[in-house]
Amino acid sequence: MARPRKKRRNSHGSAWHWKQTDCWYYTLPGTKRRMSLFDGDGKRIKGKENRDVAEEALARLRVSGESSGAVANADCPWIVARVASDYLQYCERSVKSNAMSQGHHESSKSFLNDFCAYCGALAVAELKKSHVQTWLDSHSGWKSPATHSAAISILLAAFNRAEEHHGVPSPLKGLKKPKSQPRLQSFSPEDEQTLYDSTEECFRNFLFAALHTGLRPFCELAKITAEHIEVGERGMMWRVYSSKTKKTRKIPVQRPVAELVKKLMATAPRGSGKPLFRNTKGEPWKRMTGVVRFLTLKKKLVWDLDPIRNKYSCYTCRHTFAHRMLSGYWNGGVGCSIETLAELMGDTPAVAYQHYGKEWALSYQEPLWAAIGAGKTVSPKPAKPACRKAR
C-alpha cells in the first residue's frame, strides 16, 4: 500500500515562513532558491503573524516581474542596465534600513550609471571581462589602482546579486582587481604647517584633528558631536562609530586636540545635534566639499605640479597619523605596535600591517633599529594649536 502523499503546507508560488530565521520567503519557479521578502522600507518581513504583509510584498514583486526569475521572464531579458538597476534598488533599501552606508550607495550609483552609458544595452550573456577593462581604460582620470578596484568591486557585487537572487549567471566571475598599494604618502612637519597657514580656520581645525587622531575624515571625524566626548582623569576620549566597519570604538586623543574640542563645544554643545567640525557655512564636512576644498588648496600651493605632493589628500592625514605612531613621533621615538595602531584606527592588525607597515618599513627602517636597541631618539616639534589665524 502506497504511503499517503504529504500535504503541502503552502500552495505553489505563495509566501512562506521559515521558523529558523522567523522571516518570510518565496521560491523562484523551477528552482529551489529561497528568496527573502522585504517590506516597503527595505526591511526583512519577520513574524509568523505577518502573512498578509508578506503576500503584499510578493504581489509587488510579481507586478514588477522580479519574482519570475530570468528563465520565466523571457519577454524582459536581462541586460546590463537591468542588473545595475536591480542592485541600486537594493542599495536604496539597504540605506533606508541602515544596513549600508550612503557613501557606498552614491559610489555604486556613479560607477554603475557610467558603466551603463558604456554598455548598458548589452545582454548579460554577451558581456565579457574585456568590456570592463576597456571601460576602465577609457577614463584617463582614473589612474589610481584603488579607483579601478572600487569600480570592479561594485560591478562584481551587482552581478553576483543578480546571480544569487535571480538566477542570472554572472559573466564576470574570476575578474581580478588590481593589487592594493601601500599608503606611503604622509605630510612632513613643514607641509603640515604650510597647510595650516594656507587655509581658513574651519578647514584647518578639521585637518588638524584628522592628522592627530587618525580617524577616517568623512565617515568618522565629520560626524563627531559633543555626545561622543568623554573626559576622565587621564584625559579626553572619543566614542567613534564607523559606518564602514559598523563598529564603535573608544580612543584617547592628544591634549592639543582636546583643547581644540573644548573650544568647539561652546558652539556645538550637548543636545544641539551639531557636529563639532563644520565648514564655513556651519554645515558638516562632506566628502565632496572636503575633496574640492583640498584640491583647491593643492592648486593654490602649486602642489598639483609636484610629483609627490600631488598625491596628497584629506586621507593623507590618516596615513600621517599611522606613520607617526609607528615611528614614535609623539612619544620620544618609541613606536607603537601594529595591534595598538589597528585599535586606534579601527582596522584589523592584518589590514594595518598591509597598508601602513609592510612596504613602508622598506623605506623607513628606524623602528627596526629601535627594536634592537640601536635607534635614535626622536624629539618632535610640539604640535601647534590649529585655531590660529591664517596668514
Protein backbone atom coordinates (compact mmCIF):
# COMPACT_ATOMS: atom_id res chain seq x y z
CA MET A 1 0.00 0.00 0.00
CA ALA A 2 1.42 3.37 -1.03
CA ARG A 3 2.17 5.98 1.59
CA PRO A 4 -0.35 8.83 1.75
CA ARG A 5 1.01 11.88 -0.02
CA LYS A 6 2.36 14.55 2.27
CA LYS A 7 0.12 17.60 2.33
CA ARG A 8 1.87 20.78 1.16
CA ARG A 9 1.84 23.50 3.80
CA ASN A 10 1.61 26.31 1.24
CA SER A 11 0.36 26.42 -2.34
CA HIS A 12 2.89 26.81 -5.16
CA GLY A 13 4.04 30.39 -5.64
CA SER A 14 2.91 31.69 -2.25
CA ALA A 15 4.93 33.33 0.50
CA TRP A 16 6.15 31.01 3.23
CA HIS A 17 7.53 31.43 6.73
CA TRP A 18 10.76 29.80 7.92
CA LYS A 19 10.79 29.17 11.66
CA GLN A 20 14.60 29.09 11.92
CA THR A 21 15.01 32.74 10.90
CA ASP A 22 11.43 33.90 11.67
CA CYS A 23 11.44 35.51 8.17
CA TRP A 24 9.17 35.24 5.11
CA TYR A 25 10.38 33.96 1.74
CA TYR A 26 9.22 32.86 -1.70
CA THR A 27 10.73 30.36 -4.12
CA LEU A 28 11.63 31.12 -7.74
CA PRO A 29 9.63 29.00 -10.22
CA GLY A 30 11.52 25.92 -11.42
CA THR A 31 14.18 26.27 -8.72
CA LYS A 32 14.74 25.56 -5.05
CA ARG A 33 16.19 29.01 -4.48
CA ARG A 34 14.93 30.72 -1.30
CA MET A 35 14.30 34.47 -1.76
CA SER A 36 13.74 36.92 1.10
CA LEU A 37 10.72 39.20 1.17
CA PHE A 38 11.08 42.87 2.19
CA ASP A 39 8.57 45.47 3.30
CA GLY A 40 8.23 48.97 1.86
CA ASP A 41 11.12 50.26 3.99
CA GLY A 42 13.53 47.59 2.74
CA LYS A 43 13.44 45.55 5.98
CA ARG A 44 13.03 41.78 6.06
CA ILE A 45 9.47 40.74 6.91
CA LYS A 46 9.55 38.84 10.20
CA GLY A 47 6.96 37.17 12.42
CA LYS A 48 4.57 34.35 11.58
CA GLU A 49 1.62 36.71 12.09
CA ASN A 50 2.73 38.94 9.14
CA ARG A 51 1.47 36.65 6.36
CA ASP A 52 -0.62 39.44 4.79
CA VAL A 53 2.39 41.79 4.67
CA ALA A 54 4.47 39.05 3.05
CA GLU A 55 1.79 38.31 0.43
CA GLU A 56 1.59 42.02 -0.41
CA ALA A 57 5.38 42.15 -0.84
CA LEU A 58 5.26 39.11 -3.13
CA ALA A 59 2.44 40.71 -5.15
CA ARG A 60 4.62 43.80 -5.68
CA LEU A 61 7.43 41.58 -6.95
CA ARG A 62 5.08 39.83 -9.37
CA VAL A 63 3.88 43.16 -10.77
CA SER A 64 7.49 44.29 -11.27
CA GLY A 65 8.41 40.93 -12.84
CA GLU A 66 11.17 40.18 -10.32
CA SER A 67 9.56 37.07 -8.82
CA SER A 68 9.58 35.03 -12.01
CA GLY A 69 13.35 34.87 -12.48
CA ALA A 70 15.45 35.19 -15.64
CA VAL A 71 14.18 32.00 -17.27
CA ALA A 72 10.44 32.51 -16.82
CA ASN A 73 10.54 36.22 -17.69
CA ALA A 74 11.65 35.75 -21.29
CA ASP A 75 9.98 38.90 -22.70
CA CYS A 76 12.10 41.06 -20.37
CA PRO A 77 15.67 39.83 -20.95
CA TRP A 78 18.46 40.61 -18.53
CA ILE A 79 20.67 43.34 -19.91
CA VAL A 80 23.50 45.13 -18.11
CA ALA A 81 21.30 48.13 -17.28
CA ARG A 82 18.72 45.87 -15.60
CA VAL A 83 21.41 44.32 -13.39
CA ALA A 84 22.59 47.79 -12.41
CA SER A 85 19.03 48.98 -11.71
CA ASP A 86 18.29 45.94 -9.54
CA TYR A 87 21.45 46.50 -7.48
CA LEU A 88 20.80 50.22 -7.00
CA GLN A 89 17.27 49.48 -5.77
CA TYR A 90 18.78 47.03 -3.30
CA CYS A 91 21.27 49.72 -2.18
CA GLU A 92 18.47 52.22 -1.68
CA ARG A 93 16.51 49.79 0.50
CA SER A 94 19.64 48.93 2.49
CA VAL A 95 20.43 52.59 3.18
CA LYS A 96 16.89 53.11 4.49
CA SER A 97 17.30 50.18 6.89
CA ASN A 98 20.81 51.33 7.94
CA ALA A 99 22.35 48.15 6.51
CA MET A 100 24.54 50.09 4.07
CA SER A 101 26.32 53.44 4.10
CA GLN A 102 25.11 56.32 1.96
CA GLY A 103 28.65 56.61 0.62
CA HIS A 104 28.55 53.11 -0.90
CA HIS A 105 25.16 53.88 -2.44
CA GLU A 106 26.49 57.07 -4.04
CA SER A 107 29.63 55.33 -5.32
CA SER A 108 27.55 52.49 -6.75
CA LYS A 109 25.24 54.94 -8.48
CA SER A 110 28.16 56.82 -10.02
CA PHE A 111 30.08 53.77 -11.29
CA LEU A 112 27.06 51.76 -12.48
CA ASN A 113 25.47 54.69 -14.32
CA ASP A 114 28.78 55.34 -16.05
CA PHE A 115 29.14 51.66 -16.96
CA CYS A 116 25.58 51.58 -18.33
CA ALA A 117 26.34 54.61 -20.52
CA TYR A 118 29.14 52.50 -21.98
CA CYS A 119 27.36 49.14 -22.47
CA GLY A 120 24.03 49.21 -20.62
CA ALA A 121 22.03 47.82 -23.57
CA LEU A 122 24.30 44.78 -23.89
CA ALA A 123 22.78 41.43 -22.92
CA VAL A 124 24.35 39.98 -19.78
CA ALA A 125 25.25 36.77 -21.67
CA GLU A 126 27.25 38.85 -24.19
CA LEU A 127 29.22 40.84 -21.60
CA LYS A 128 32.93 39.99 -21.47
CA LYS A 129 35.66 40.87 -18.98
CA SER A 130 37.38 42.77 -21.78
CA HIS A 131 34.43 45.20 -21.85
CA VAL A 132 35.17 46.11 -18.23
CA GLN A 133 38.86 46.67 -18.92
CA THR A 134 38.12 48.82 -21.97
CA TRP A 135 35.64 50.85 -19.92
CA LEU A 136 38.22 51.44 -17.17
CA ASP A 137 40.91 52.40 -19.70
CA SER A 138 38.55 54.90 -21.34
CA HIS A 139 38.72 57.10 -18.23
CA SER A 140 42.10 58.78 -18.32
CA GLY A 141 41.43 60.39 -14.93
CA TRP A 142 41.09 57.01 -13.20
CA LYS A 143 44.81 56.48 -12.69
CA SER A 144 44.76 55.05 -9.19
CA PRO A 145 44.53 51.25 -8.78
CA ALA A 146 42.23 51.98 -5.82
CA THR A 147 39.72 53.61 -8.20
CA HIS A 148 39.83 50.63 -10.55
CA SER A 149 39.48 48.26 -7.62
CA ALA A 150 36.44 50.15 -6.27
CA ALA A 151 34.74 50.14 -9.67
CA ILE A 152 35.34 46.41 -10.19
CA SER A 153 34.12 45.61 -6.66
CA ILE A 154 30.80 47.33 -7.32
CA LEU A 155 30.36 45.62 -10.70
CA LEU A 156 31.05 42.23 -9.12
CA ALA A 157 28.59 42.95 -6.31
CA ALA A 158 25.85 43.89 -8.80
CA PHE A 159 26.30 40.80 -10.99
CA ASN A 160 26.72 38.47 -8.00
CA ARG A 161 23.43 39.72 -6.61
CA ALA A 162 21.70 39.12 -9.95
CA GLU A 163 23.02 35.56 -9.95
CA GLU A 164 22.15 34.87 -6.33
CA HIS A 165 18.64 36.35 -6.35
CA HIS A 166 17.50 36.00 -9.96
CA GLY A 167 19.46 33.04 -11.31
CA VAL A 168 21.31 35.16 -13.90
CA PRO A 169 24.81 33.67 -14.41
CA SER A 170 27.50 36.28 -13.80
CA PRO A 171 29.85 36.77 -16.78
CA LEU A 172 32.42 38.48 -14.53
CA LYS A 173 33.38 35.51 -12.36
CA GLY A 174 37.14 35.43 -11.86
CA LEU A 175 37.63 39.10 -12.77
CA LYS A 176 40.71 40.21 -10.86
CA LYS A 177 41.01 43.51 -9.02
CA PRO A 178 44.31 45.43 -9.03
CA LYS A 179 46.54 44.73 -6.05
CA SER A 180 46.14 47.23 -3.24
CA GLN A 181 49.08 49.58 -2.88
CA PRO A 182 50.55 50.58 0.49
CA ARG A 183 49.81 54.02 1.88
CA LEU A 184 53.25 55.61 1.74
CA GLN A 185 52.35 59.31 1.40
CA SER A 186 52.37 61.34 4.59
CA PHE A 187 52.84 65.01 5.45
CA SER A 188 56.18 66.27 6.63
CA PRO A 189 56.01 68.69 9.60
CA GLU A 190 56.78 71.52 7.15
CA ASP A 191 53.99 70.52 4.77
CA GLU A 192 51.61 70.18 7.69
CA GLN A 193 52.34 73.71 8.87
CA THR A 194 52.05 75.04 5.31
CA LEU A 195 48.54 73.60 5.10
CA TYR A 196 47.51 75.25 8.37
CA ASP A 197 48.92 78.60 7.26
CA SER A 198 47.21 78.49 3.86
CA THR A 199 43.59 77.74 4.69
CA GLU A 200 40.76 79.15 6.76
CA GLU A 201 40.07 78.19 10.37
CA CYS A 202 37.25 75.66 9.84
CA PHE A 203 39.19 73.51 7.39
CA ARG A 204 42.38 73.95 9.42
CA ASN A 205 40.66 72.57 12.53
CA PHE A 206 39.32 69.64 10.52
CA LEU A 207 42.76 68.74 9.09
CA PHE A 208 44.45 69.21 12.47
CA ALA A 209 42.05 66.81 14.20
CA ALA A 210 42.24 64.29 11.34
CA LEU A 211 46.05 64.22 11.46
CA HIS A 212 46.24 63.91 15.25
CA THR A 213 43.54 61.23 15.67
CA GLY A 214 43.84 59.13 12.51
CA LEU A 215 40.05 58.99 12.10
CA ARG A 216 38.53 58.46 8.67
CA PRO A 217 37.86 62.08 7.69
CA PHE A 218 34.27 61.97 6.46
CA CYS A 219 32.56 58.85 7.81
CA GLU A 220 34.03 59.25 11.33
CA LEU A 221 35.59 62.62 12.20
CA ALA A 222 32.97 64.73 10.41
CA LYS A 223 30.21 63.06 12.49
CA ILE A 224 31.73 63.60 15.96
CA THR A 225 29.39 65.54 18.26
CA ALA A 226 29.62 66.62 21.90
CA GLU A 227 27.70 63.46 22.85
CA HIS A 228 30.68 61.37 21.70
CA ILE A 229 33.10 63.12 24.09
CA GLU A 230 34.07 61.68 27.48
CA VAL A 231 36.50 63.37 29.88
CA GLY A 232 38.15 61.32 32.62
CA GLU A 233 41.08 61.58 34.99
CA ARG A 234 43.61 60.63 32.30
CA GLY A 235 42.19 62.91 29.64
CA MET A 236 39.64 63.04 26.85
CA MET A 237 38.30 60.02 24.97
CA TRP A 238 36.04 59.80 21.92
CA ARG A 239 33.42 57.16 21.10
CA VAL A 240 33.78 56.69 17.35
CA TYR A 241 31.25 54.87 15.19
CA SER A 242 32.38 53.86 11.71
CA SER A 243 29.75 53.36 9.01
CA LYS A 244 32.43 51.45 7.11
CA THR A 245 33.06 48.75 9.72
CA LYS A 246 29.70 49.11 11.57
CA LYS A 247 31.61 49.14 14.88
CA THR A 248 32.10 51.61 17.73
CA ARG A 249 35.48 52.05 19.39
CA LYS A 250 36.73 54.32 22.17
CA ILE A 251 40.01 56.16 21.60
CA PRO A 252 42.07 58.63 23.66
CA VAL A 253 43.01 61.92 21.99
CA GLN A 254 46.08 64.09 22.36
CA ARG A 255 45.98 67.15 24.59
CA PRO A 256 46.11 69.75 21.74
CA VAL A 257 43.10 68.08 20.14
CA ALA A 258 41.26 68.00 23.49
CA GLU A 259 41.89 71.74 23.95
CA LEU A 260 40.56 72.45 20.46
CA VAL A 261 37.45 70.34 21.07
CA LYS A 262 36.64 72.16 24.31
CA LYS A 263 36.56 75.43 22.36
CA LEU A 264 34.41 73.93 19.59
CA MET A 265 31.93 72.51 22.12
CA ALA A 266 31.00 76.07 23.04
CA THR A 267 29.40 76.43 19.57
CA ALA A 268 28.05 72.85 19.42
CA PRO A 269 27.07 71.83 22.98
CA ARG A 270 25.41 68.58 24.01
CA GLY A 271 21.86 68.32 22.78
CA SER A 272 22.39 70.65 19.82
CA GLY A 273 22.90 67.76 17.39
CA LYS A 274 25.62 69.75 15.64
CA PRO A 275 28.91 68.08 14.67
CA LEU A 276 31.98 69.70 16.19
CA PHE A 277 33.79 70.12 12.88
CA ARG A 278 31.79 72.21 10.41
CA ASN A 279 32.55 74.22 7.29
CA THR A 280 32.28 78.00 6.94
CA LYS A 281 28.52 77.69 6.32
CA GLY A 282 28.03 75.78 9.57
CA GLU A 283 27.34 72.50 7.73
CA PRO A 284 29.05 69.14 8.41
CA TRP A 285 32.07 68.37 6.26
CA LYS A 286 31.05 66.02 3.46
CA ARG A 287 33.28 64.06 1.13
CA MET A 288 32.55 66.21 -1.91
CA THR A 289 33.09 69.58 -0.21
CA GLY A 290 36.20 68.35 1.61
CA VAL A 291 37.77 66.91 -1.55
CA VAL A 292 37.07 70.06 -3.55
CA ARG A 293 38.49 72.25 -0.77
CA PHE A 294 41.71 70.19 -0.60
CA LEU A 295 42.13 70.18 -4.40
CA THR A 296 41.76 73.96 -4.40
CA LEU A 297 44.35 74.20 -1.62
CA LYS A 298 46.82 72.00 -3.54
CA LYS A 299 46.41 74.18 -6.62
CA LYS A 300 46.96 77.33 -4.53
CA LEU A 301 50.22 75.88 -3.15
CA VAL A 302 51.23 74.55 -6.62
CA TRP A 303 51.40 71.07 -5.12
CA ASP A 304 49.40 69.74 -8.06
CA LEU A 305 52.60 70.03 -10.13
CA ASP A 306 54.80 68.27 -7.57
CA PRO A 307 55.34 64.52 -8.24
CA ILE A 308 54.95 63.67 -4.52
CA ARG A 309 52.63 66.32 -3.13
CA ASN A 310 50.10 65.95 -5.95
CA LYS A 311 49.10 62.63 -4.32
CA TYR A 312 48.16 64.32 -1.04
CA SER A 313 44.50 64.29 0.03
CA CYS A 314 42.41 64.62 3.19
CA TYR A 315 43.03 60.91 3.74
CA THR A 316 46.79 61.61 3.91
CA CYS A 317 46.10 62.92 7.43
CA ARG A 318 45.14 59.35 8.43
CA HIS A 319 48.26 57.91 6.79
CA THR A 320 50.43 60.52 8.51
CA PHE A 321 48.96 59.60 11.89
CA ALA A 322 49.76 55.92 11.26
CA HIS A 323 53.35 56.58 10.22
CA ARG A 324 53.98 58.92 13.14
CA MET A 325 52.55 56.41 15.60
CA LEU A 326 54.77 53.64 14.23
CA SER A 327 57.87 55.87 14.36
CA GLY A 328 57.17 57.25 17.86
CA TYR A 329 56.91 60.83 16.57
CA TRP A 330 54.84 61.95 19.58
CA ASN A 331 56.44 59.53 22.04
CA GLY A 332 60.16 60.21 22.05
CA GLY A 333 60.88 57.64 19.32
CA VAL A 334 59.04 54.75 20.97
CA GLY A 335 56.77 53.45 18.23
CA CYS A 336 53.55 51.60 18.93
CA SER A 337 52.73 48.05 17.82
CA ILE A 338 50.62 47.20 14.78
CA GLU A 339 47.93 45.84 17.13
CA THR A 340 47.73 49.15 19.01
CA LEU A 341 47.65 51.13 15.78
CA ALA A 342 44.86 48.91 14.45
CA GLU A 343 42.77 49.51 17.58
CA LEU A 344 43.20 53.27 17.34
CA MET A 345 42.37 53.40 13.64
CA GLY A 346 39.53 50.89 13.58
CA ASP A 347 41.34 48.37 11.36
CA THR A 348 42.30 44.76 11.86
CA PRO A 349 46.01 44.14 12.56
CA ALA A 350 46.32 42.44 9.15
CA VAL A 351 44.91 45.46 7.32
CA ALA A 352 47.01 47.91 9.34
CA TYR A 353 50.16 45.93 8.56
CA GLN A 354 49.32 45.63 4.87
CA HIS A 355 48.54 49.34 4.48
CA TYR A 356 50.98 51.01 6.84
CA GLY A 357 53.68 48.61 8.00
CA LYS A 358 54.81 46.21 5.29
CA GLU A 359 56.08 48.37 2.42
CA TRP A 360 56.68 51.50 4.49
CA ALA A 361 59.25 49.66 6.59
CA LEU A 362 61.35 49.22 3.46
CA SER A 363 61.79 52.98 3.16
CA TYR A 364 61.65 53.87 6.85
CA GLN A 365 63.67 51.45 8.97
CA GLU A 366 64.13 53.44 12.17
CA PRO A 367 61.57 51.27 14.08
CA LEU A 368 63.59 48.21 13.08
CA TRP A 369 66.79 49.71 14.50
CA ALA A 370 64.91 50.83 17.63
CA ALA A 371 63.68 47.27 18.16
CA ILE A 372 67.27 46.02 18.54
CA GLY A 373 68.29 48.92 20.78
CA ALA A 374 70.13 50.96 18.15
CA GLY A 375 67.52 53.56 17.39
CA LYS A 376 67.77 57.33 17.51
CA THR A 377 65.87 59.46 19.99
CA VAL A 378 63.19 61.46 18.20
CA SER A 379 62.35 64.91 19.53
CA PRO A 380 59.39 66.17 17.52
CA LYS A 381 58.33 69.77 17.49
CA PRO A 382 55.37 70.36 19.80
CA ALA A 383 52.08 70.46 17.91
CA LYS A 384 50.86 73.99 17.34
CA PRO A 385 47.20 74.66 18.07
CA ALA A 386 45.03 74.55 15.00
CA CYS A 387 42.94 77.57 15.89
CA ARG A 388 45.48 80.20 14.85
CA LYS A 389 44.85 82.86 12.27
CA ALA A 390 45.82 82.03 8.69
CA ARG A 391 48.35 84.29 7.07
